[in-house]
Amino acid sequence: MTAPLTDTVALITGSSSGIGAATARRLAAEGAAVALVARRRDRLEELAATISGEGGTVLVVEADVTSEQQAADAVERTVADLGRLGGPRTSPTRWPTS
């Protein structure tokens, strides 16, 4: 059975700890390739080792996303290394109207 997020690439900011790290682990477990983005490279590397050890695809990007340039560079590197951001479109999105 294919994981639900196969062919999806997610960029997670603040992924060196807390909810960011938990989100990255969960998305990877569901089949997404994940780009881990935060300032603390050592913690990113630890998380990346865990995710790749469980069979996940992971990219570490050390960046301070309060810097517009570093945030843009993180997106560019993610697309360059993992091929894109987001996932396949399987159906059109319908937004509720009020």
PDB file of N, CA and C in Angstrom:
ATOM      1  N   MET A   1       0.837  -1.176   0.000  1.00  0.00           N
ATOM      2  CA  MET A   1       0.000   0.000   0.000  1.00  0.00           C
ATOM      3  C   MET A   1       0.889   1.248   0.000  1.00  0.00           C
ATOM      4  N   THR A   2       0.559   2.212  -0.820  1.00  0.00           N
ATOM      5  CA  THR A   2       1.322   3.448  -0.920  1.00  0.00           C
ATOM      6  C   THR A   2       0.980   4.366   0.242  1.00  0.00           C
ATOM      7  N   ALA A   3       2.000   4.978   0.820  1.00  0.00           N
ATOM      8  CA  ALA A   3       1.784   5.944   1.903  1.00  0.00           C
ATOM      9  C   ALA A   3       0.994   7.129   1.358  1.00  0.00           C
ATOM     10  N   PRO A   4       0.115   7.710   2.171  1.00  0.00           N
ATOM     11  CA  PRO A   4      -0.757   8.779   1.674  1.00  0.00           C
ATOM     12  C   PRO A   4      -0.054  10.027   1.157  1.00  0.00           C
ATOM     13  N   LEU A   5       1.158  10.300   1.623  1.00  0.00           N
ATOM     14  CA  LEU A   5       1.854  11.511   1.185  1.00  0.00           C
ATOM     15  C   LEU A   5       3.024  11.237   0.244  1.00  0.00           C
ATOM     16  N   THR A   6       3.041  10.052  -0.354  1.00  0.00           N
ATOM     17  CA  THR A   6       4.058   9.749  -1.354  1.00  0.00           C
ATOM     18  C   THR A   6       3.986  10.803  -2.455  1.00  0.00           C
ATOM     19  N   ASP A   7       5.137  11.230  -2.954  1.00  0.00           N
ATOM     20  CA  ASP A   7       5.256  12.260  -3.994  1.00  0.00           C
ATOM     21  C   ASP A   7       4.942  13.664  -3.487  1.00  0.00           C
ATOM     22  N   THR A   8       4.933  13.835  -2.178  1.00  0.00           N
ATOM     23  CA  THR A   8       4.732  15.150  -1.581  1.00  0.00           C
ATOM     24  C   THR A   8       6.059  15.616  -0.982  1.00  0.00           C
ATOM     25  N   VAL A   9       6.337  16.899  -1.121  1.00  0.00           N
ATOM     26  CA  VAL A   9       7.525  17.491  -0.503  1.00  0.00           C
ATOM     27  C   VAL A   9       7.048  18.600   0.428  1.00  0.00           C
ATOM     28  N   ALA A  10       7.455  18.510   1.690  1.00  0.00           N
ATOM     29  CA  ALA A  10       7.059  19.506   2.687  1.00  0.00           C
ATOM     30  C   ALA A  10       8.292  20.205   3.241  1.00  0.00           C
ATOM     31  N   LEU A  11       8.204  21.512   3.391  1.00  0.00           N
ATOM     32  CA  LEU A  11       9.244  22.304   4.025  1.00  0.00           C
ATOM     33  C   LEU A  11       8.701  22.697   5.395  1.00  0.00           C
ATOM     34  N   ILE A  12       9.398  22.292   6.460  1.00  0.00           N
ATOM     35  CA  ILE A  12       8.926  22.550   7.809  1.00  0.00           C
ATOM     36  C   ILE A  12       9.896  23.484   8.509  1.00  0.00           C
ATOM     37  N   THR A  13       9.434  24.681   8.831  1.00  0.00           N
ATOM     38  CA  THR A  13      10.268  25.623   9.564  1.00  0.00           C
ATOM     39  C   THR A  13      10.177  25.312  11.059  1.00  0.00           C
ATOM     40  N   GLY A  14      11.201  25.678  11.785  1.00  0.00           N
ATOM     41  CA  GLY A  14      11.224  25.408  13.213  1.00  0.00           C
ATOM     42  C   GLY A  14      11.272  23.930  13.524  1.00  0.00           C
ATOM     43  N   SER A  15      11.851  23.166  12.617  1.00  0.00           N
ATOM     44  CA  SER A  15      11.807  21.704  12.744  1.00  0.00           C
ATOM     45  C   SER A  15      12.912  21.126  13.615  1.00  0.00           C
ATOM     46  N   SER A  16      13.682  21.980  14.284  1.00  0.00           N
ATOM     47  CA  SER A  16      14.746  21.458  15.143  1.00  0.00           C
ATOM     48  C   SER A  16      14.220  20.994  16.499  1.00  0.00           C
ATOM     49  N   SER A  17      12.977  21.338  16.844  1.00  0.00           N
ATOM     50  CA  SER A  17      12.419  20.912  18.125  1.00  0.00           C
ATOM     51  C   SER A  17      10.900  21.088  18.138  1.00  0.00           C
ATOM     52  N   GLY A  18      10.296  20.595  19.196  1.00  0.00           N
ATOM     53  CA  GLY A  18       8.880  20.829  19.449  1.00  0.00           C
ATOM     54  C   GLY A  18       7.946  20.378  18.340  1.00  0.00           C
ATOM     55  N   ILE A  19       6.941  21.208  18.103  1.00  0.00           N
ATOM     56  CA  ILE A  19       5.901  20.856  17.137  1.00  0.00           C
ATOM     57  C   ILE A  19       6.452  20.759  15.717  1.00  0.00           C
ATOM     58  N   GLY A  20       7.489  21.543  15.399  1.00  0.00           N
ATOM     59  CA  GLY A  20       8.093  21.453  14.073  1.00  0.00           C
ATOM     60  C   GLY A  20       8.731  20.093  13.843  1.00  0.00           C
ATOM     61  N   ALA A  21       9.469  19.604  14.837  1.00  0.00           N
ATOM     62  CA  ALA A  21      10.095  18.283  14.726  1.00  0.00           C
ATOM     63  C   ALA A  21       9.036  17.187  14.668  1.00  0.00           C
ATOM     64  N   ALA A  22       8.009  17.315  15.495  1.00  0.00           N
ATOM     65  CA  ALA A  22       6.931  16.313  15.504  1.00  0.00           C
ATOM     66  C   ALA A  22       6.205  16.293  14.164  1.00  0.00           C
ATOM     67  N   THR A  23       5.982  17.469  13.592  1.00  0.00           N
ATOM     68  CA  THR A  23       5.320  17.555  12.287  1.00  0.00           C
ATOM     69  C   THR A  23       6.174  16.894  11.213  1.00  0.00           C
ATOM     70  N   ALA A  24       7.471  17.164  11.239  1.00  0.00           N
ATOM     71  CA  ALA A  24       8.375  16.566  10.256  1.00  0.00           C
ATOM     72  C   ALA A  24       8.368  15.047  10.358  1.00  0.00           C
ATOM     73  N   ARG A  25       8.441  14.527  11.582  1.00  0.00           N
ATOM     74  CA  ARG A  25       8.423  13.066  11.767  1.00  0.00           C
ATOM     75  C   ARG A  25       7.117  12.475  11.240  1.00  0.00           C
ATOM     76  N   ARG A  26       6.013  13.117  11.524  1.00  0.00           N
ATOM     77  CA  ARG A  26       4.710  12.595  11.098  1.00  0.00           C
ATOM     78  C   ARG A  26       4.564  12.627   9.580  1.00  0.00           C
ATOM     79  N   LEU A  27       4.930  13.739   8.963  1.00  0.00           N
ATOM     80  CA  LEU A  27       4.832  13.842   7.505  1.00  0.00           C
ATOM     81  C   LEU A  27       5.733  12.808   6.828  1.00  0.00           C
ATOM     82  N   ALA A  28       6.939  12.638   7.349  1.00  0.00           N
ATOM     83  CA  ALA A  28       7.850  11.638   6.780  1.00  0.00           C
ATOM     84  C   ALA A  28       7.285  10.234   6.951  1.00  0.00           C
ATOM     85  N   ALA A  29       6.691   9.963   8.098  1.00  0.00           N
ATOM     86  CA  ALA A  29       6.094   8.641   8.336  1.00  0.00           C
ATOM     87  C   ALA A  29       4.944   8.364   7.376  1.00  0.00           C
ATOM     88  N   GLU A  30       4.298   9.419   6.921  1.00  0.00           N
ATOM     89  CA  GLU A  30       3.188   9.286   5.977  1.00  0.00           C
ATOM     90  C   GLU A  30       3.665   9.288   4.526  1.00  0.00           C
ATOM     91  N   GLY A  31       4.986   9.362   4.323  1.00  0.00           N
ATOM     92  CA  GLY A  31       5.546   9.227   2.979  1.00  0.00           C
ATOM     93  C   GLY A  31       6.068  10.489   2.327  1.00  0.00           C
ATOM     94  N   ALA A  32       5.927  11.633   2.980  1.00  0.00           N
ATOM     95  CA  ALA A  32       6.416  12.879   2.383  1.00  0.00           C
ATOM     96  C   ALA A  32       7.933  12.971   2.505  1.00  0.00           C
ATOM     97  N   ALA A  33       8.552  13.568   1.508  1.00  0.00           N
ATOM     98  CA  ALA A  33       9.947  13.994   1.636  1.00  0.00           C
ATOM     99  C   ALA A  33       9.893  15.295   2.418  1.00  0.00           C
ATOM    100  N   VAL A  34      10.805  15.480   3.373  1.00  0.00           N
ATOM    101  CA  VAL A  34      10.741  16.667   4.214  1.00  0.00           C
ATOM    102  C   VAL A  34      12.036  17.462   4.164  1.00  0.00           C
ATOM    103  N   ALA A  35      11.880  18.784   4.091  1.00  0.00           N
ATOM    104  CA  ALA A  35      12.998  19.702   4.219  1.00  0.00           C
ATOM    105  C   ALA A  35      12.911  20.287   5.615  1.00  0.00           C
ATOM    106  N   LEU A  36      13.921  20.009   6.423  1.00  0.00           N
ATOM    107  CA  LEU A  36      13.963  20.497   7.791  1.00  0.00           C
ATOM    108  C   LEU A  36      14.674  21.838   7.799  1.00  0.00           C
ATOM    109  N   VAL A  37      13.994  22.878   8.256  1.00  0.00           N
ATOM    110  CA  VAL A  37      14.556  24.225   8.224  1.00  0.00           C
ATOM    111  C   VAL A  37      14.515  24.829   9.623  1.00  0.00           C
ATOM    112  N   ALA A  38      15.689  25.238  10.107  1.00  0.00           N
ATOM    113  CA  ALA A  38      15.806  25.909  11.405  1.00  0.00           C
ATOM    114  C   ALA A  38      17.232  26.414  11.543  1.00  0.00           C
ATOM    115  N   ARG A  39      17.503  27.078  12.656  1.00  0.00           N
ATOM    116  CA  ARG A  39      18.830  27.652  12.887  1.00  0.00           C
ATOM    117  C   ARG A  39      19.807  26.658  13.505  1.00  0.00           C
ATOM    118  N   ARG A  40      19.319  25.645  14.196  1.00  0.00           N
ATOM    119  CA  ARG A  40      20.195  24.736  14.949  1.00  0.00           C
ATOM    120  C   ARG A  40      20.522  23.482  14.135  1.00  0.00           C
ATOM    121  N   ARG A  41      21.591  23.567  13.370  1.00  0.00           N
ATOM    122  CA  ARG A  41      21.985  22.476  12.472  1.00  0.00           C
ATOM    123  C   ARG A  41      22.174  21.162  13.221  1.00  0.00           C
ATOM    124  N   ASP A  42      22.779  21.188  14.400  1.00  0.00           N
ATOM    125  CA  ASP A  42      23.027  19.946  15.127  1.00  0.00           C
ATOM    126  C   ASP A  42      21.727  19.200  15.402  1.00  0.00           C
ATOM    127  N   ARG A  43      20.701  19.912  15.812  1.00  0.00           N
ATOM    128  CA  ARG A  43      19.412  19.259  16.062  1.00  0.00           C
ATOM    129  C   ARG A  43      18.742  18.807  14.773  1.00  0.00           C
ATOM    130  N   LEU A  44      18.901  19.599  13.717  1.00  0.00           N
ATOM    131  CA  LEU A  44      18.355  19.181  12.418  1.00  0.00           C
ATOM    132  C   LEU A  44      19.013  17.884  11.961  1.00  0.00           C
ATOM    133  N   GLU A  45      20.323  17.796  12.123  1.00  0.00           N
ATOM    134  CA  GLU A  45      21.048  16.590  11.714  1.00  0.00           C
ATOM    135  C   GLU A  45      20.590  15.368  12.507  1.00  0.00           C
ATOM    136  N   GLU A  46      20.349  15.537  13.805  1.00  0.00           N
ATOM    137  CA  GLU A  46      19.855  14.426  14.634  1.00  0.00           C
ATOM    138  C   GLU A  46      18.496  13.943  14.127  1.00  0.00           C
ATOM    139  N   LEU A  47      17.598  14.878  13.875  1.00  0.00           N
ATOM    140  CA  LEU A  47      16.267  14.521  13.383  1.00  0.00           C
ATOM    141  C   LEU A  47      16.361  13.889  11.999  1.00  0.00           C
ATOM    142  N   ALA A  48      17.215  14.432  11.156  1.00  0.00           N
ATOM    143  CA  ALA A  48      17.390  13.877   9.811  1.00  0.00           C
ATOM    144  C   ALA A  48      17.876  12.435   9.880  1.00  0.00           C
ATOM    145  N   ALA A  49      18.788  12.146  10.805  1.00  0.00           N
ATOM    146  CA  ALA A  49      19.277  10.771  10.955  1.00  0.00           C
ATOM    147  C   ALA A  49      18.150   9.835  11.370  1.00  0.00           C
ATOM    148  N   THR A  50      17.285  10.296  12.251  1.00  0.00           N
ATOM    149  CA  THR A  50      16.140   9.483  12.675  1.00  0.00           C
ATOM    150  C   THR A  50      15.204   9.219  11.506  1.00  0.00           C
ATOM    151  N   ILE A  51      14.862  10.273  10.772  1.00  0.00           N
ATOM    152  CA  ILE A  51      13.927  10.136   9.654  1.00  0.00           C
ATOM    153  C   ILE A  51      14.506   9.253   8.557  1.00  0.00           C
ATOM    154  N   SER A  52      15.759   9.485   8.185  1.00  0.00           N
ATOM    155  CA  SER A  52      16.354   8.658   7.121  1.00  0.00           C
ATOM    156  C   SER A  52      16.540   7.224   7.595  1.00  0.00           C
ATOM    157  N   GLY A  53      16.816   7.027   8.882  1.00  0.00           N
ATOM    158  CA  GLY A  53      16.940   5.682   9.427  1.00  0.00           C
ATOM    159  C   GLY A  53      15.644   4.903   9.376  1.00  0.00           C
ATOM    160  N   GLU A  54      14.529   5.623   9.321  1.00  0.00           N
ATOM    161  CA  GLU A  54      13.213   5.001   9.211  1.00  0.00           C
ATOM    162  C   GLU A  54      12.753   4.922   7.756  1.00  0.00           C
ATOM    163  N   GLY A  55      13.672   5.233   6.834  1.00  0.00           N
ATOM    164  CA  GLY A  55      13.353   5.110   5.410  1.00  0.00           C
ATOM    165  C   GLY A  55      12.855   6.376   4.748  1.00  0.00           C
ATOM    166  N   GLY A  56      12.872   7.490   5.456  1.00  0.00           N
ATOM    167  CA  GLY A  56      12.361   8.731   4.894  1.00  0.00           C
ATOM    168  C   GLY A  56      13.386   9.476   4.064  1.00  0.00           C
ATOM    169  N   THR A  57      12.873  10.376   3.241  1.00  0.00           N
ATOM    170  CA  THR A  57      13.713  11.267   2.443  1.00  0.00           C
ATOM    171  C   THR A  57      13.737  12.610   3.147  1.00  0.00           C
ATOM    172  N   VAL A  58      14.949  13.104   3.412  1.00  0.00           N
ATOM    173  CA  VAL A  58      15.066  14.308   4.232  1.00  0.00           C
ATOM    174  C   VAL A  58      16.195  15.195   3.741  1.00  0.00           C
ATOM    175  N   LEU A  59      15.994  16.491   3.868  1.00  0.00           N
ATOM    176  CA  LEU A  59      16.982  17.506   3.516  1.00  0.00           C
ATOM    177  C   LEU A  59      17.130  18.440   4.713  1.00  0.00           C
ATOM    178  N   VAL A  60      18.342  18.748   5.088  1.00  0.00           N
ATOM    179  CA  VAL A  60      18.606  19.696   6.165  1.00  0.00           C
ATOM    180  C   VAL A  60      18.985  21.041   5.564  1.00  0.00           C
ATOM    181  N   VAL A  61      18.295  22.090   6.011  1.00  0.00           N
ATOM    182  CA  VAL A  61      18.596  23.448   5.559  1.00  0.00           C
ATOM    183  C   VAL A  61      18.708  24.332   6.799  1.00  0.00           C
ATOM    184  N   GLU A  62      19.927  24.746   7.103  1.00  0.00           N
ATOM    185  CA  GLU A  62      20.126  25.660   8.223  1.00  0.00           C
ATOM    186  C   GLU A  62      19.784  27.062   7.739  1.00  0.00           C
ATOM    187  N   ALA A  63      18.785  27.674   8.372  1.00  0.00           N
ATOM    188  CA  ALA A  63      18.367  29.013   7.954  1.00  0.00           C
ATOM    189  C   ALA A  63      17.588  29.687   9.075  1.00  0.00           C
ATOM    190  N   ASP A  64      17.664  30.994   9.082  1.00  0.00           N
ATOM    191  CA  ASP A  64      16.871  31.827   9.984  1.00  0.00           C
ATOM    192  C   ASP A  64      15.775  32.441   9.127  1.00  0.00           C
ATOM    193  N   VAL A  65      14.566  31.938   9.248  1.00  0.00           N
ATOM    194  CA  VAL A  65      13.499  32.382   8.357  1.00  0.00           C
ATOM    195  C   VAL A  65      12.959  33.764   8.692  1.00  0.00           C
ATOM    196  N   THR A  66      13.512  34.404   9.727  1.00  0.00           N
ATOM    197  CA  THR A  66      13.163  35.816   9.926  1.00  0.00           C
ATOM    198  C   THR A  66      13.904  36.688   8.925  1.00  0.00           C
ATOM    199  N   SER A  67      14.892  36.101   8.237  1.00  0.00           N
ATOM    200  CA  SER A  67      15.592  36.777   7.140  1.00  0.00           C
ATOM    201  C   SER A  67      14.903  36.385   5.842  1.00  0.00           C
ATOM    202  N   GLU A  68      14.367  37.371   5.142  1.00  0.00           N
ATOM    203  CA  GLU A  68      13.670  37.095   3.881  1.00  0.00           C
ATOM    204  C   GLU A  68      14.566  36.359   2.898  1.00  0.00           C
ATOM    205  N   GLN A  69      15.838  36.743   2.820  1.00  0.00           N
ATOM    206  CA  GLN A  69      16.763  36.095   1.888  1.00  0.00           C
ATOM    207  C   GLN A  69      17.007  34.647   2.274  1.00  0.00           C
ATOM    208  N   GLN A  70      17.219  34.370   3.563  1.00  0.00           N
ATOM    209  CA  GLN A  70      17.448  32.990   3.988  1.00  0.00           C
ATOM    210  C   GLN A  70      16.205  32.123   3.781  1.00  0.00           C
ATOM    211  N   ALA A  71      15.036  32.703   3.994  1.00  0.00           N
ATOM    212  CA  ALA A  71      13.795  31.962   3.756  1.00  0.00           C
ATOM    213  C   ALA A  71      13.661  31.618   2.266  1.00  0.00           C
ATOM    214  N   ALA A  72      13.925  32.587   1.411  1.00  0.00           N
ATOM    215  CA  ALA A  72      13.850  32.352  -0.035  1.00  0.00           C
ATOM    216  C   ALA A  72      14.882  31.308  -0.464  1.00  0.00           C
ATOM    217  N   ASP A  73      16.081  31.404   0.104  1.00  0.00           N
ATOM    218  CA  ASP A  73      17.125  30.428  -0.222  1.00  0.00           C
ATOM    219  C   ASP A  73      16.720  29.019   0.213  1.00  0.00           C
ATOM    220  N   ALA A  74      16.043  28.901   1.358  1.00  0.00           N
ATOM    221  CA  ALA A  74      15.584  27.592   1.841  1.00  0.00           C
ATOM    222  C   ALA A  74      14.582  26.983   0.867  1.00  0.00           C
ATOM    223  N   VAL A  75      13.685  27.792   0.363  1.00  0.00           N
ATOM    224  CA  VAL A  75      12.708  27.302  -0.617  1.00  0.00           C
ATOM    225  C   VAL A  75      13.420  26.877  -1.899  1.00  0.00           C
ATOM    226  N   GLU A  76      14.324  27.719  -2.383  1.00  0.00           N
ATOM    227  CA  GLU A  76      15.056  27.395  -3.614  1.00  0.00           C
ATOM    228  C   GLU A  76      15.858  26.102  -3.459  1.00  0.00           C
ATOM    229  N   ARG A  77      16.511  25.934  -2.335  1.00  0.00           N
ATOM    230  CA  ARG A  77      17.306  24.722  -2.122  1.00  0.00           C
ATOM    231  C   ARG A  77      16.416  23.495  -2.046  1.00  0.00           C
ATOM    232  N   THR A  78      15.266  23.629  -1.391  1.00  0.00           N
ATOM    233  CA  THR A  78      14.327  22.504  -1.302  1.00  0.00           C
ATOM    234  C   THR A  78      13.876  22.068  -2.681  1.00  0.00           C
ATOM    235  N   VAL A  79      13.501  23.019  -3.509  1.00  0.00           N
ATOM    236  CA  VAL A  79      13.051  22.695  -4.867  1.00  0.00           C
ATOM    237  C   VAL A  79      14.198  22.097  -5.677  1.00  0.00           C
ATOM    238  N   ALA A  80      15.383  22.658  -5.541  1.00  0.00           N
ATOM    239  CA  ALA A  80      16.538  22.145  -6.282  1.00  0.00           C
ATOM    240  C   ALA A  80      16.887  20.714  -5.872  1.00  0.00           C
ATOM    241  N   ASP A  81      16.867  20.437  -4.565  1.00  0.00           N
ATOM    242  CA  ASP A  81      17.300  19.123  -4.078  1.00  0.00           C
ATOM    243  C   ASP A  81      16.194  18.066  -4.069  1.00  0.00           C
ATOM    244  N   LEU A  82      14.955  18.487  -3.815  1.00  0.00           N
ATOM    245  CA  LEU A  82      13.859  17.513  -3.703  1.00  0.00           C
ATOM    246  C   LEU A  82      12.865  17.581  -4.865  1.00  0.00           C
ATOM    247  N   GLY A  83      13.084  18.510  -5.782  1.00  0.00           N
ATOM    248  CA  GLY A  83      12.305  18.527  -7.014  1.00  0.00           C
ATOM    249  C   GLY A  83      11.117  19.457  -7.052  1.00  0.00           C
ATOM    250  N   ARG A  84      10.587  19.815  -5.891  1.00  0.00           N
ATOM    251  CA  ARG A  84       9.424  20.709  -5.849  1.00  0.00           C
ATOM    252  C   ARG A  84       8.993  20.892  -4.407  1.00  0.00           C
ATOM    253  N   LEU A  85       7.936  21.639  -4.222  1.00  0.00           N
ATOM    254  CA  LEU A  85       7.261  21.757  -2.937  1.00  0.00           C
ATOM    255  C   LEU A  85       5.804  21.407  -3.162  1.00  0.00           C
ATOM    256  N   GLY A  86       5.198  20.763  -2.221  1.00  0.00           N
ATOM    257  CA  GLY A  86       3.792  20.402  -2.343  1.00  0.00           C
ATOM    258  C   GLY A  86       3.640  18.973  -2.796  1.00  0.00           C
ATOM    259  N   GLY A  87       2.460  18.679  -3.295  1.00  0.00           N
ATOM    260  CA  GLY A  87       2.166  17.312  -3.701  1.00  0.00           C
ATOM    261  C   GLY A  87       1.385  17.268  -4.985  1.00  0.00           C
ATOM    262  N   PRO A  88       1.084  16.072  -5.422  1.00  0.00           N
ATOM    263  CA  PRO A  88       0.309  15.933  -6.649  1.00  0.00           C
ATOM    264  C   PRO A  88      -1.123  16.402  -6.431  1.00  0.00           C
ATOM    265  N   ARG A  89      -1.692  16.956  -7.428  1.00  0.00           N
ATOM    266  CA  ARG A  89      -3.097  17.358  -7.342  1.00  0.00           C
ATOM    267  C   ARG A  89      -3.932  16.198  -7.832  1.00  0.00           C
ATOM    268  N   THR A  90      -4.763  15.705  -6.971  1.00  0.00           N
ATOM    269  CA  THR A  90      -5.601  14.572  -7.355  1.00  0.00           C
ATOM    270  C   THR A  90      -7.042  14.980  -7.583  1.00  0.00           C
ATOM    271  N   SER A  91      -7.425  16.119  -7.064  1.00  0.00           N
ATOM    272  CA  SER A  91      -8.779  16.618  -7.287  1.00  0.00           C
ATOM    273  C   SER A  91      -8.774  18.118  -7.065  1.00  0.00           C
ATOM    274  N   PRO A  92      -9.698  18.821  -7.705  1.00  0.00           N
ATOM    275  CA  PRO A  92      -9.743  20.268  -7.509  1.00  0.00           C
ATOM    276  C   PRO A  92     -10.181  20.596  -6.080  1.00  0.00           C
ATOM    277  N   THR A  93      -9.688  21.711  -5.587  1.00  0.00           N
ATOM    278  CA  THR A  93     -10.065  22.152  -4.264  1.00  0.00           C
ATOM    279  C   THR A  93     -11.297  23.037  -4.371  1.00  0.00           C
ATOM    280  N   ARG A  94     -12.251  22.779  -3.521  1.00  0.00           N
ATOM    281  CA  ARG A  94     -13.453  23.606  -3.488  1.00  0.00           C
ATOM    282  C   ARG A  94     -13.496  24.296  -2.144  1.00  0.00           C
ATOM    283  N   TRP A  95     -13.555  25.602  -2.169  1.00  0.00           N
ATOM    284  CA  TRP A  95     -13.600  26.376  -0.946  1.00  0.00           C
ATOM    285  C   TRP A  95     -15.045  26.674  -0.598  1.00  0.00           C
ATOM    286  N   PRO A  96     -15.388  26.598   0.677  1.00  0.00           N
ATOM    287  CA  PRO A  96     -16.761  26.911   1.052  1.00  0.00           C
ATOM    288  C   PRO A  96     -17.065  28.384   0.823  1.00  0.00           C
ATOM    289  N   THR A  97     -18.258  28.656   0.479  1.00  0.00           N
ATOM    290  CA  THR A  97     -18.687  30.042   0.291  1.00  0.00           C
ATOM    291  C   THR A  97     -19.622  30.407   1.431  1.00  0.00           C
ATOM    292  N   SER A  98     -19.604  31.666   1.791  1.00  0.00           N
ATOM    293  CA  SER A  98     -20.492  32.066   2.892  1.00  0.00           C
ATOM    294  C   SER A  98     -21.644  32.898   2.387  1.00  0.00           C
TER     295      SER A  98
END
